[in-house]
PDB file of N, CA and C in Angstrom:
ATOM      1  N   MET A   1       0.815  -1.199   0.000  1.00  0.00           N
ATOM      2  CA  MET A   1       0.000   0.000   0.000  1.00  0.00           C
ATOM      3  C   MET A   1       0.859   1.264   0.000  1.00  0.00           C
ATOM      4  N   THR A   2       2.078   1.166   0.464  1.00  0.00           N
ATOM      5  CA  THR A   2       2.953   2.332   0.486  1.00  0.00           C
ATOM      6  C   THR A   2       3.267   2.811  -0.924  1.00  0.00           C
ATOM      7  N   TRP A   3       3.330   1.884  -1.869  1.00  0.00           N
ATOM      8  CA  TRP A   3       3.658   2.260  -3.236  1.00  0.00           C
ATOM      9  C   TRP A   3       2.611   3.203  -3.824  1.00  0.00           C
ATOM     10  N   ILE A   4       1.360   3.110  -3.361  1.00  0.00           N
ATOM     11  CA  ILE A   4       0.319   4.017  -3.839  1.00  0.00           C
ATOM     12  C   ILE A   4       0.622   5.439  -3.366  1.00  0.00           C
ATOM     13  N   LEU A   5       1.038   5.578  -2.119  1.00  0.00           N
ATOM     14  CA  LEU A   5       1.406   6.882  -1.585  1.00  0.00           C
ATOM     15  C   LEU A   5       2.606   7.453  -2.341  1.00  0.00           C
ATOM     16  N   VAL A   6       3.615   6.614  -2.581  1.00  0.00           N
ATOM     17  CA  VAL A   6       4.806   7.069  -3.300  1.00  0.00           C
ATOM     18  C   VAL A   6       4.435   7.486  -4.726  1.00  0.00           C
ATOM     19  N   ALA A   7       3.608   6.689  -5.403  1.00  0.00           N
ATOM     20  CA  ALA A   7       3.179   7.025  -6.767  1.00  0.00           C
ATOM     21  C   ALA A   7       2.386   8.330  -6.771  1.00  0.00           C
ATOM     22  N   GLY A   8       1.530   8.524  -5.775  1.00  0.00           N
ATOM     23  CA  GLY A   8       0.762   9.764  -5.677  1.00  0.00           C
ATOM     24  C   GLY A   8       1.653  10.974  -5.444  1.00  0.00           C
ATOM     25  N   LEU A   9       2.613  10.844  -4.552  1.00  0.00           N
ATOM     26  CA  LEU A   9       3.543  11.944  -4.299  1.00  0.00           C
ATOM     27  C   LEU A   9       4.375  12.256  -5.538  1.00  0.00           C
ATOM     28  N   PHE A  10       4.793  11.212  -6.260  1.00  0.00           N
ATOM     29  CA  PHE A  10       5.544  11.419  -7.484  1.00  0.00           C
ATOM     30  C   PHE A  10       4.698  12.165  -8.514  1.00  0.00           C
ATOM     31  N   ALA A  11       3.439  11.778  -8.652  1.00  0.00           N
ATOM     32  CA  ALA A  11       2.552  12.437  -9.614  1.00  0.00           C
ATOM     33  C   ALA A  11       2.340  13.904  -9.254  1.00  0.00           C
ATOM     34  N   VAL A  12       2.147  14.199  -7.973  1.00  0.00           N
ATOM     35  CA  VAL A  12       1.962  15.589  -7.538  1.00  0.00           C
ATOM     36  C   VAL A  12       3.235  16.396  -7.801  1.00  0.00           C
ATOM     37  N   GLN A  13       4.386  15.822  -7.489  1.00  0.00           N
ATOM     38  CA  GLN A  13       5.658  16.508  -7.717  1.00  0.00           C
ATOM     39  C   GLN A  13       5.861  16.775  -9.206  1.00  0.00           C
ATOM     40  N   PHE A  14       5.555  15.791 -10.033  1.00  0.00           N
ATOM     41  CA  PHE A  14       5.701  15.960 -11.474  1.00  0.00           C
ATOM     42  C   PHE A  14       4.771  17.051 -11.983  1.00  0.00           C
ATOM     43  N   TRP A  15       3.519  17.018 -11.559  1.00  0.00           N
ATOM     44  CA  TRP A  15       2.543  17.987 -12.037  1.00  0.00           C
ATOM     45  C   TRP A  15       2.910  19.417 -11.625  1.00  0.00           C
ATOM     46  N   THR A  16       3.316  19.615 -10.392  1.00  0.00           N
ATOM     47  CA  THR A  16       3.686  20.970  -9.955  1.00  0.00           C
ATOM     48  C   THR A  16       4.946  21.448 -10.665  1.00  0.00           C
ATOM     49  N   GLY A  17       5.908  20.551 -10.856  1.00  0.00           N
ATOM     50  CA  GLY A  17       7.124  20.926 -11.584  1.00  0.00           C
ATOM     51  C   GLY A  17       6.834  21.265 -13.032  1.00  0.00           C
ATOM     52  N   LEU A  18       5.957  20.497 -13.662  1.00  0.00           N
ATOM     53  CA  LEU A  18       5.572  20.755 -15.049  1.00  0.00           C
ATOM     54  C   LEU A  18       4.920  22.125 -15.178  1.00  0.00           C
ATOM     55  N   ARG A  19       3.986  22.428 -14.303  1.00  0.00           N
ATOM     56  CA  ARG A  19       3.309  23.732 -14.358  1.00  0.00           C
ATOM     57  C   ARG A  19       4.276  24.883 -14.106  1.00  0.00           C
ATOM     58  N   ARG A  20       5.176  24.715 -13.146  1.00  0.00           N
ATOM     59  CA  ARG A  20       6.152  25.769 -12.842  1.00  0.00           C
ATOM     60  C   ARG A  20       7.092  26.012 -14.027  1.00  0.00           C
ATOM     61  N   GLU A  21       7.580  24.937 -14.643  1.00  0.00           N
ATOM     62  CA  GLU A  21       8.491  25.076 -15.772  1.00  0.00           C
ATOM     63  C   GLU A  21       7.780  25.664 -16.996  1.00  0.00           C
ATOM     64  N   ARG A  22       6.536  25.297 -17.219  1.00  0.00           N
ATOM     65  CA  ARG A  22       5.785  25.846 -18.360  1.00  0.00           C
ATOM     66  C   ARG A  22       5.532  27.332 -18.171  1.00  0.00           C
ATOM     67  N   ARG A  23       5.172  27.725 -16.954  1.00  0.00           N
ATOM     68  CA  ARG A  23       4.951  29.155 -16.700  1.00  0.00           C
ATOM     69  C   ARG A  23       6.206  29.957 -16.937  1.00  0.00           C
ATOM     70  N   ALA A  24       7.354  29.406 -16.580  1.00  0.00           N
ATOM     71  CA  ALA A  24       8.623  30.113 -16.752  1.00  0.00           C
ATOM     72  C   ALA A  24       9.157  29.994 -18.175  1.00  0.00           C
ATOM     73  N   GLY A  25       8.525  29.162 -19.012  1.00  0.00           N
ATOM     74  CA  GLY A  25       8.982  28.982 -20.382  1.00  0.00           C
ATOM     75  C   GLY A  25      10.202  28.084 -20.493  1.00  0.00           C
ATOM     76  N   LEU A  26      10.394  27.195 -19.524  1.00  0.00           N
ATOM     77  CA  LEU A  26      11.574  26.351 -19.487  1.00  0.00           C
ATOM     78  C   LEU A  26      11.283  24.886 -19.790  1.00  0.00           C
ATOM     79  N   TRP A  27      10.032  24.534 -20.103  1.00  0.00           N
ATOM     80  CA  TRP A  27       9.674  23.133 -20.279  1.00  0.00           C
ATOM     81  C   TRP A  27      10.076  22.641 -21.663  1.00  0.00           C
ATOM     82  N   SER A  28      10.598  21.421 -21.700  1.00  0.00           N
ATOM     83  CA  SER A  28      10.961  20.781 -22.960  1.00  0.00           C
ATOM     84  C   SER A  28      10.641  19.292 -22.831  1.00  0.00           C
ATOM     85  N   TRP A  29       9.716  18.808 -23.671  1.00  0.00           N
ATOM     86  CA  TRP A  29       9.367  17.389 -23.614  1.00  0.00           C
ATOM     87  C   TRP A  29      10.547  16.518 -23.995  1.00  0.00           C
ATOM     88  N   SER A  30      11.347  16.960 -24.958  1.00  0.00           N
ATOM     89  CA  SER A  30      12.489  16.148 -25.373  1.00  0.00           C
ATOM     90  C   SER A  30      13.495  16.009 -24.232  1.00  0.00           C
ATOM     91  N   LEU A  31      13.714  17.079 -23.469  1.00  0.00           N
ATOM     92  CA  LEU A  31      14.611  16.988 -22.325  1.00  0.00           C
ATOM     93  C   LEU A  31      14.020  16.086 -21.243  1.00  0.00           C
ATOM     94  N   PHE A  32      12.706  16.114 -21.084  1.00  0.00           N
ATOM     95  CA  PHE A  32      12.045  15.246 -20.113  1.00  0.00           C
ATOM     96  C   PHE A  32      12.278  13.776 -20.457  1.00  0.00           C
ATOM     97  N   PHE A  33      12.063  13.412 -21.723  1.00  0.00           N
ATOM     98  CA  PHE A  33      12.261  12.017 -22.124  1.00  0.00           C
ATOM     99  C   PHE A  33      13.736  11.634 -22.097  1.00  0.00           C
ATOM    100  N   PHE A  34      14.612  12.577 -22.399  1.00  0.00           N
ATOM    101  CA  PHE A  34      16.046  12.332 -22.284  1.00  0.00           C
ATOM    102  C   PHE A  34      16.409  12.053 -20.824  1.00  0.00           C
ATOM    103  N   SER A  35      15.809  12.794 -19.903  1.00  0.00           N
ATOM    104  CA  SER A  35      16.073  12.591 -18.472  1.00  0.00           C
ATOM    105  C   SER A  35      15.574  11.227 -17.999  1.00  0.00           C
ATOM    106  N   LEU A  36      14.395  10.825 -18.460  1.00  0.00           N
ATOM    107  CA  LEU A  36      13.888   9.499 -18.107  1.00  0.00           C
ATOM    108  C   LEU A  36      14.789   8.397 -18.652  1.00  0.00           C
ATOM    109  N   SER A  37      15.243   8.557 -19.876  1.00  0.00           N
ATOM    110  CA  SER A  37      16.158   7.575 -20.464  1.00  0.00           C
ATOM    111  C   SER A  37      17.457   7.522 -19.686  1.00  0.00           C
ATOM    112  N   PHE A  38      17.946   8.668 -19.283  1.00  0.00           N
ATOM    113  CA  PHE A  38      19.173   8.725 -18.501  1.00  0.00           C
ATOM    114  C   PHE A  38      19.011   7.997 -17.170  1.00  0.00           C
ATOM    115  N   ALA A  39      17.888   8.215 -16.506  1.00  0.00           N
ATOM    116  CA  ALA A  39      17.647   7.537 -15.226  1.00  0.00           C
ATOM    117  C   ALA A  39      17.622   6.026 -15.416  1.00  0.00           C
ATOM    118  N   GLY A  40      17.002   5.556 -16.492  1.00  0.00           N
ATOM    119  CA  GLY A  40      16.993   4.128 -16.783  1.00  0.00           C
ATOM    120  C   GLY A  40      18.387   3.590 -17.053  1.00  0.00           C
ATOM    121  N   LEU A  41      19.186   4.340 -17.784  1.00  0.00           N
ATOM    122  CA  LEU A  41      20.560   3.916 -18.070  1.00  0.00           C
ATOM    123  C   LEU A  41      21.399   3.859 -16.797  1.00  0.00           C
ATOM    124  N   GLU A  42      21.253   4.855 -15.936  1.00  0.00           N
ATOM    125  CA  GLU A  42      21.994   4.862 -14.673  1.00  0.00           C
ATOM    126  C   GLU A  42      21.620   3.645 -13.816  1.00  0.00           C
ATOM    127  N   TRP A  43      20.339   3.358 -13.746  1.00  0.00           N
ATOM    128  CA  TRP A  43      19.895   2.193 -12.986  1.00  0.00           C
ATOM    129  C   TRP A  43      20.476   0.916 -13.578  1.00  0.00           C
ATOM    130  N   PHE A  44      20.466   0.812 -14.903  1.00  0.00           N
ATOM    131  CA  PHE A  44      20.980  -0.374 -15.581  1.00  0.00           C
ATOM    132  C   PHE A  44      22.475  -0.546 -15.337  1.00  0.00           C
ATOM    133  N   ILE A  45      23.240   0.556 -15.397  1.00  0.00           N
ATOM    134  CA  ILE A  45      24.688   0.497 -15.160  1.00  0.00           C
ATOM    135  C   ILE A  45      24.968  -0.014 -13.747  1.00  0.00           C
ATOM    136  N   LEU A  46      24.229   0.453 -12.776  1.00  0.00           N
ATOM    137  CA  LEU A  46      24.454   0.032 -11.396  1.00  0.00           C
ATOM    138  C   LEU A  46      23.884  -1.357 -11.109  1.00  0.00           C
ATOM    139  N   TRP A  47      22.882  -1.773 -11.860  1.00  0.00           N
ATOM    140  CA  TRP A  47      22.236  -3.057 -11.633  1.00  0.00           C
ATOM    141  C   TRP A  47      23.046  -4.221 -12.186  1.00  0.00           C
ATOM    142  N   ILE A  48      23.759  -4.014 -13.290  1.00  0.00           N
ATOM    143  CA  ILE A  48      24.480  -5.117 -13.952  1.00  0.00           C
ATOM    144  C   ILE A  48      25.430  -5.845 -13.004  1.00  0.00           C
ATOM    145  N   PRO A  49      26.359  -5.166 -12.319  1.00  0.00           N
ATOM    146  CA  PRO A  49      27.248  -5.931 -11.434  1.00  0.00           C
ATOM    147  C   PRO A  49      26.524  -6.553 -10.243  1.00  0.00           C
ATOM    148  N   LEU A  50      25.491  -5.894  -9.763  1.00  0.00           N
ATOM    149  CA  LEU A  50      24.743  -6.467  -8.644  1.00  0.00           C
ATOM    150  C   LEU A  50      24.024  -7.738  -9.058  1.00  0.00           C
ATOM    151  N   ARG A  51      23.621  -7.805 -10.298  1.00  0.00           N
ATOM    152  CA  ARG A  51      22.866  -8.958 -10.777  1.00  0.00           C
ATOM    153  C   ARG A  51      23.772 -10.103 -11.215  1.00  0.00           C
ATOM    154  N   TYR A  52      24.864  -9.781 -11.895  1.00  0.00           N
ATOM    155  CA  TYR A  52      25.645 -10.821 -12.546  1.00  0.00           C
ATOM    156  C   TYR A  52      26.950 -11.203 -11.854  1.00  0.00           C
ATOM    157  N   LEU A  53      27.419 -10.428 -10.907  1.00  0.00           N
ATOM    158  CA  LEU A  53      28.623 -10.800 -10.169  1.00  0.00           C
ATOM    159  C   LEU A  53      28.221 -11.436  -8.839  1.00  0.00           C
ATOM    160  N   PRO A  54      28.734 -12.599  -8.536  1.00  0.00           N
ATOM    161  CA  PRO A  54      28.401 -13.205  -7.243  1.00  0.00           C
ATOM    162  C   PRO A  54      29.015 -12.396  -6.093  1.00  0.00           C
ATOM    163  N   MET A  55      28.273 -12.242  -5.035  1.00  0.00           N
ATOM    164  CA  MET A  55      28.748 -11.453  -3.896  1.00  0.00           C
ATOM    165  C   MET A  55      29.966 -12.067  -3.231  1.00  0.00           C
ATOM    166  N   GLU A  56      30.143 -13.374  -3.367  1.00  0.00           N
ATOM    167  CA  GLU A  56      31.286 -14.049  -2.759  1.00  0.00           C
ATOM    168  C   GLU A  56      32.567 -13.845  -3.562  1.00  0.00           C
ATOM    169  N   SER A  57      32.442 -13.372  -4.793  1.00  0.00           N
ATOM    170  CA  SER A  57      33.599 -13.188  -5.662  1.00  0.00           C
ATOM    171  C   SER A  57      34.469 -12.046  -5.162  1.00  0.00           C
ATOM    172  N   ARG A  58      35.770 -12.181  -5.366  1.00  0.00           N
ATOM    173  CA  ARG A  58      36.674 -11.094  -4.972  1.00  0.00           C
ATOM    174  C   ARG A  58      36.550  -9.912  -5.922  1.00  0.00           C
ATOM    175  N   TRP A  59      35.903 -10.107  -7.076  1.00  0.00           N
ATOM    176  CA  TRP A  59      35.734  -9.057  -8.070  1.00  0.00           C
ATOM    177  C   TRP A  59      34.449  -8.258  -7.865  1.00  0.00           C
ATOM    178  N   PHE A  60      33.629  -8.676  -6.909  1.00  0.00           N
ATOM    179  CA  PHE A  60      32.347  -8.005  -6.709  1.00  0.00           C
ATOM    180  C   PHE A  60      32.546  -6.532  -6.346  1.00  0.00           C
ATOM    181  N   GLY A  61      33.385  -6.251  -5.390  1.00  0.00           N
ATOM    182  CA  GLY A  61      33.627  -4.869  -4.964  1.00  0.00           C
ATOM    183  C   GLY A  61      34.203  -4.026  -6.083  1.00  0.00           C
ATOM    184  N   TYR A  62      35.131  -4.605  -6.845  1.00  0.00           N
ATOM    185  CA  TYR A  62      35.719  -3.887  -7.969  1.00  0.00           C
ATOM    186  C   TYR A  62      34.671  -3.615  -9.060  1.00  0.00           C
ATOM    187  N   GLY A  63      33.833  -4.595  -9.316  1.00  0.00           N
ATOM    188  CA  GLY A  63      32.787  -4.424 -10.322  1.00  0.00           C
ATOM    189  C   GLY A  63      31.783  -3.356  -9.947  1.00  0.00           C
ATOM    190  N   VAL A  64      31.359  -3.361  -8.691  1.00  0.00           N
ATOM    191  CA  VAL A  64      30.409  -2.348  -8.221  1.00  0.00           C
ATOM    192  C   VAL A  64      31.067  -0.965  -8.220  1.00  0.00           C
ATOM    193  N   ALA A  65      32.333  -0.898  -7.804  1.00  0.00           N
ATOM    194  CA  ALA A  65      33.048   0.382  -7.806  1.00  0.00           C
ATOM    195  C   ALA A  65      33.216   0.910  -9.228  1.00  0.00           C
ATOM    196  N   ALA A  66      33.552   0.027 -10.158  1.00  0.00           N
ATOM    197  CA  ALA A  66      33.696   0.450 -11.556  1.00  0.00           C
ATOM    198  C   ALA A  66      32.363   0.939 -12.116  1.00  0.00           C
ATOM    199  N   ALA A  67      31.293   0.241 -11.795  1.00  0.00           N
ATOM    200  CA  ALA A  67      29.966   0.663 -12.258  1.00  0.00           C
ATOM    201  C   ALA A  67      29.586   2.012 -11.653  1.00  0.00           C
ATOM    202  N   ALA A  68      29.915   2.213 -10.378  1.00  0.00           N
ATOM    203  CA  ALA A  68      29.600   3.490  -9.729  1.00  0.00           C
ATOM    204  C   ALA A  68      30.405   4.631 -10.352  1.00  0.00           C
ATOM    205  N   ILE A  69      31.675   4.385 -10.664  1.00  0.00           N
ATOM    206  CA  ILE A  69      32.500   5.413 -11.310  1.00  0.00           C
ATOM    207  C   ILE A  69      31.972   5.718 -12.705  1.00  0.00           C
ATOM    208  N   LEU A  70      31.587   4.676 -13.440  1.00  0.00           N
ATOM    209  CA  LEU A  70      31.007   4.880 -14.761  1.00  0.00           C
ATOM    210  C   LEU A  70      29.703   5.667 -14.665  1.00  0.00           C
ATOM    211  N   ALA A  71      28.864   5.341 -13.698  1.00  0.00           N
ATOM    212  CA  ALA A  71      27.602   6.063 -13.515  1.00  0.00           C
ATOM    213  C   ALA A  71      27.862   7.522 -13.127  1.00  0.00           C
ATOM    214  N   LEU A  72      28.866   7.759 -12.305  1.00  0.00           N
ATOM    215  CA  LEU A  72      29.197   9.132 -11.914  1.00  0.00           C
ATOM    216  C   LEU A  72      29.685   9.933 -13.118  1.00  0.00           C
ATOM    217  N   GLY A  73      30.552   9.332 -13.928  1.00  0.00           N
ATOM    218  CA  GLY A  73      31.014  10.010 -15.141  1.00  0.00           C
ATOM    219  C   GLY A  73      29.865  10.284 -16.102  1.00  0.00           C
ATOM    220  N   ASN A  74      28.960   9.334 -16.210  1.00  0.00           N
ATOM    221  CA  ASN A  74      27.786   9.514 -17.058  1.00  0.00           C
ATOM    222  C   ASN A  74      26.905  10.639 -16.516  1.00  0.00           C
ATOM    223  N   PHE A  75      26.798  10.754 -15.209  1.00  0.00           N
ATOM    224  CA  PHE A  75      26.004  11.816 -14.598  1.00  0.00           C
ATOM    225  C   PHE A  75      26.604  13.185 -14.895  1.00  0.00           C
ATOM    226  N   VAL A  76      27.922  13.303 -14.796  1.00  0.00           N
ATOM    227  CA  VAL A  76      28.587  14.580 -15.107  1.00  0.00           C
ATOM    228  C   VAL A  76      28.331  14.947 -16.566  1.00  0.00           C
ATOM    229  N   TRP A  77      28.461  13.961 -17.467  1.00  0.00           N
ATOM    230  CA  TRP A  77      28.194  14.203 -18.879  1.00  0.00           C
ATOM    231  C   TRP A  77      26.757  14.665 -19.078  1.00  0.00           C
ATOM    232  N   PHE A  78      25.808  14.037 -18.385  1.00  0.00           N
ATOM    233  CA  PHE A  78      24.398  14.383 -18.495  1.00  0.00           C
ATOM    234  C   PHE A  78      24.156  15.834 -18.088  1.00  0.00           C
ATOM    235  N   ILE A  79      24.765  16.270 -17.010  1.00  0.00           N
ATOM    236  CA  ILE A  79      24.598  17.656 -16.555  1.00  0.00           C
ATOM    237  C   ILE A  79      25.127  18.620 -17.611  1.00  0.00           C
ATOM    238  N   LEU A  80      26.285  18.314 -18.195  1.00  0.00           N
ATOM    239  CA  LEU A  80      26.845  19.185 -19.227  1.00  0.00           C
ATOM    240  C   LEU A  80      25.942  19.251 -20.456  1.00  0.00           C
ATOM    241  N   VAL A  81      25.382  18.133 -20.859  1.00  0.00           N
ATOM    242  CA  VAL A  81      24.490  18.109 -22.018  1.00  0.00           C
ATOM    243  C   VAL A  81      23.217  18.895 -21.723  1.00  0.00           C
ATOM    244  N   CYS A  82      22.652  18.725 -20.537  1.00  0.00           N
ATOM    245  CA  CYS A  82      21.409  19.418 -20.192  1.00  0.00           C
ATOM    246  C   CYS A  82      21.596  20.928 -20.131  1.00  0.00           C
ATOM    247  N   ARG A  83      22.759  21.375 -19.753  1.00  0.00           N
ATOM    248  CA  ARG A  83      22.991  22.817 -19.687  1.00  0.00           C
ATOM    249  C   ARG A  83      23.030  23.445 -21.071  1.00  0.00           C
ATOM    250  N   ARG A  84      23.407  22.645 -22.083  1.00  0.00           N
ATOM    251  CA  ARG A  84      23.459  23.156 -23.458  1.00  0.00           C
ATOM    252  C   ARG A  84      22.201  22.835 -24.255  1.00  0.00           C
ATOM    253  N   TRP A  85      21.224  22.178 -23.644  1.00  0.00           N
ATOM    254  CA  TRP A  85      20.017  21.756 -24.353  1.00  0.00           C
ATOM    255  C   TRP A  85      19.233  22.977 -24.822  1.00  0.00           C
ATOM    256  N   ARG A  86      18.773  22.947 -26.044  1.00  0.00           N
ATOM    257  CA  ARG A  86      18.020  24.073 -26.608  1.00  0.00           C
ATOM    258  C   ARG A  86      16.537  23.937 -26.306  1.00  0.00           C
ATOM    259  N   LEU A  87      15.958  25.013 -25.813  1.00  0.00           N
ATOM    260  CA  LEU A  87      14.518  25.084 -25.573  1.00  0.00           C
ATOM    261  C   LEU A  87      13.812  25.460 -26.872  1.00  0.00           C
ATOM    262  N   PRO A  88      12.494  25.328 -26.929  1.00  0.00           N
ATOM    263  CA  PRO A  88      11.768  25.671 -28.167  1.00  0.00           C
ATOM    264  C   PRO A  88      12.002  27.109 -28.639  1.00  0.00           C
ATOM    265  N   ASP A  89      12.310  28.041 -27.735  1.00  0.00           N
ATOM    266  CA  ASP A  89      12.545  29.420 -28.159  1.00  0.00           C
ATOM    267  C   ASP A  89      13.992  29.675 -28.586  1.00  0.00           C
ATOM    268  N   GLY A  90      14.835  28.654 -28.583  1.00  0.00           N
ATOM    269  CA  GLY A  90      16.208  28.787 -29.075  1.00  0.00           C
ATOM    270  C   GLY A  90      17.249  29.017 -27.987  1.00  0.00           C
ATOM    271  N   ARG A  91      16.816  29.359 -26.787  1.00  0.00           N
ATOM    272  CA  ARG A  91      17.777  29.559 -25.701  1.00  0.00           C
ATOM    273  C   ARG A  91      18.216  28.211 -25.146  1.00  0.00           C
ATOM    274  N   THR A  92      19.388  28.182 -24.546  1.00  0.00           N
ATOM    275  CA  THR A  92      19.803  26.985 -23.831  1.00  0.00           C
ATOM    276  C   THR A  92      19.187  27.029 -22.440  1.00  0.00           C
ATOM    277  N   ASN A  93      19.175  25.889 -21.759  1.00  0.00           N
ATOM    278  CA  ASN A  93      18.648  25.864 -20.388  1.00  0.00           C
ATOM    279  C   ASN A  93      19.431  26.808 -19.494  1.00  0.00           C
ATOM    280  N   LEU A  94      20.750  26.845 -19.665  1.00  0.00           N
ATOM    281  CA  LEU A  94      21.574  27.720 -18.835  1.00  0.00           C
ATOM    282  C   LEU A  94      21.214  29.186 -19.067  1.00  0.00           C
ATOM    283  N   GLN A  95      21.028  29.597 -20.334  1.00  0.00           N
ATOM    284  CA  GLN A  95      20.629  30.978 -20.623  1.00  0.00           C
ATOM    285  C   GLN A  95      19.263  31.294 -20.022  1.00  0.00           C
ATOM    286  N   ALA A  96      18.347  30.346 -20.135  1.00  0.00           N
ATOM    287  CA  ALA A  96      16.995  30.577 -19.618  1.00  0.00           C
ATOM    288  C   ALA A  96      17.011  30.751 -18.104  1.00  0.00           C
ATOM    289  N   TYR A  97      17.761  29.909 -17.396  1.00  0.00           N
ATOM    290  CA  TYR A  97      17.828  30.047 -15.942  1.00  0.00           C
ATOM    291  C   TYR A  97      18.546  31.326 -15.541  1.00  0.00           C
ATOM    292  N   CYS A  98      19.571  31.713 -16.295  1.00  0.00           N
ATOM    293  CA  CYS A  98      20.251  32.987 -16.000  1.00  0.00           C
ATOM    294  C   CYS A  98      19.309  34.160 -16.217  1.00  0.00           C
ATOM    295  N   ASP A  99      18.545  34.122 -17.316  1.00  0.00           N
ATOM    296  CA  ASP A  99      17.570  35.189 -17.581  1.00  0.00           C
ATOM    297  C   ASP A  99      16.519  35.240 -16.483  1.00  0.00           C
ATOM    298  N   LEU A 100      16.045  34.075 -16.075  1.00  0.00           N
ATOM    299  CA  LEU A 100      15.011  34.000 -15.048  1.00  0.00           C
ATOM    300  C   LEU A 100      15.527  34.546 -13.722  1.00  0.00           C
ATOM    301  N   ASN A 101      16.733  34.146 -13.336  1.00  0.00           N
ATOM    302  CA  ASN A 101      17.293  34.594 -12.058  1.00  0.00           C
ATOM    303  C   ASN A 101      17.729  36.043 -12.094  1.00  0.00           C
ATOM    304  N   SER A 102      18.266  36.514 -13.205  1.00  0.00           N
ATOM    305  CA  SER A 102      18.696  37.908 -13.264  1.00  0.00           C
ATOM    306  C   SER A 102      17.491  38.840 -13.251  1.00  0.00           C
ATOM    307  N   GLY A 103      16.371  38.403 -13.827  1.00  0.00           N
ATOM    308  CA  GLY A 103      15.152  39.217 -13.800  1.00  0.00           C
ATOM    309  C   GLY A 103      14.613  39.370 -12.399  1.00  0.00           C
ATOM    310  N   SER A 104      14.656  38.292 -11.613  1.00  0.00           N
ATOM    311  CA  SER A 104      14.129  38.378 -10.256  1.00  0.00           C
ATOM    312  C   SER A 104      15.082  39.152  -9.350  1.00  0.00           C
ATOM    313  N   ASP A 105      16.396  39.015  -9.590  1.00  0.00           N
ATOM    314  CA  ASP A 105      17.360  39.749  -8.761  1.00  0.00           C
ATOM    315  C   ASP A 105      17.294  41.245  -9.054  1.00  0.00           C
ATOM    316  N   SER A 106      17.123  41.612 -10.321  1.00  0.00           N
ATOM    317  CA  SER A 106      17.095  43.038 -10.638  1.00  0.00           C
ATOM    318  C   SER A 106      15.849  43.706 -10.057  1.00  0.00           C
ATOM    319  N   LYS A 107      14.730  43.017 -10.020  1.00  0.00           N
ATOM    320  CA  LYS A 107      13.524  43.577  -9.428  1.00  0.00           C
ATOM    321  C   LYS A 107      13.700  43.779  -7.932  1.00  0.00           C
ATOM    322  N   ALA A 108      14.350  42.808  -7.289  1.00  0.00           N
ATOM    323  CA  ALA A 108      14.531  42.900  -5.837  1.00  0.00           C
ATOM    324  C   ALA A 108      15.514  44.002  -5.482  1.00  0.00           C
ATOM    325  N   SER A 109      16.519  44.228  -6.331  1.00  0.00           N
ATOM    326  CA  SER A 109      17.528  45.223  -5.989  1.00  0.00           C
ATOM    327  C   SER A 109      17.041  46.641  -6.239  1.00  0.00           C
ATOM    328  N   ARG A 110      16.004  46.835  -7.072  1.00  0.00           N
ATOM    329  CA  ARG A 110      15.499  48.182  -7.351  1.00  0.00           C
ATOM    330  C   ARG A 110      14.737  48.770  -6.171  1.00  0.00           C
ATOM    331  N   GLY A 111      14.131  47.920  -5.398  1.00  0.00           N
ATOM    332  CA  GLY A 111      13.377  48.408  -4.259  1.00  0.00           C
ATOM    333  C   GLY A 111      11.986  48.856  -4.652  1.00  0.00           C
ATOM    334  N   PRO A 112      11.231  49.420  -3.712  1.00  0.00           N
ATOM    335  CA  PRO A 112       9.834  49.823  -3.988  1.00  0.00           C
ATOM    336  C   PRO A 112       9.720  51.088  -4.802  1.00  0.00           C
TER     337      PRO A 112
END
């Protein structure tokens, strides 16, 4: 029964994030599906040694460590790719977040 609560919380989190990103003009379906694919790949990279290497083997720790290092390198690559991802209006995600944050900072610094 806990999985229903977790699924519900995930759905609420997704829906609020989707609405917030759309309002800010930062939503991209292609980036969303790329992120889901990335999460699946990360899980698969970490799952392979856990599934196929026997825990009694002396290579188990090395295999899990190698998979974790590979997953970490893949994560760094993913962050770099996402920062350069183009939104429908032609801006990159990094430009859009900079524009969004600089707009809010400039309003706050002007005062009433």
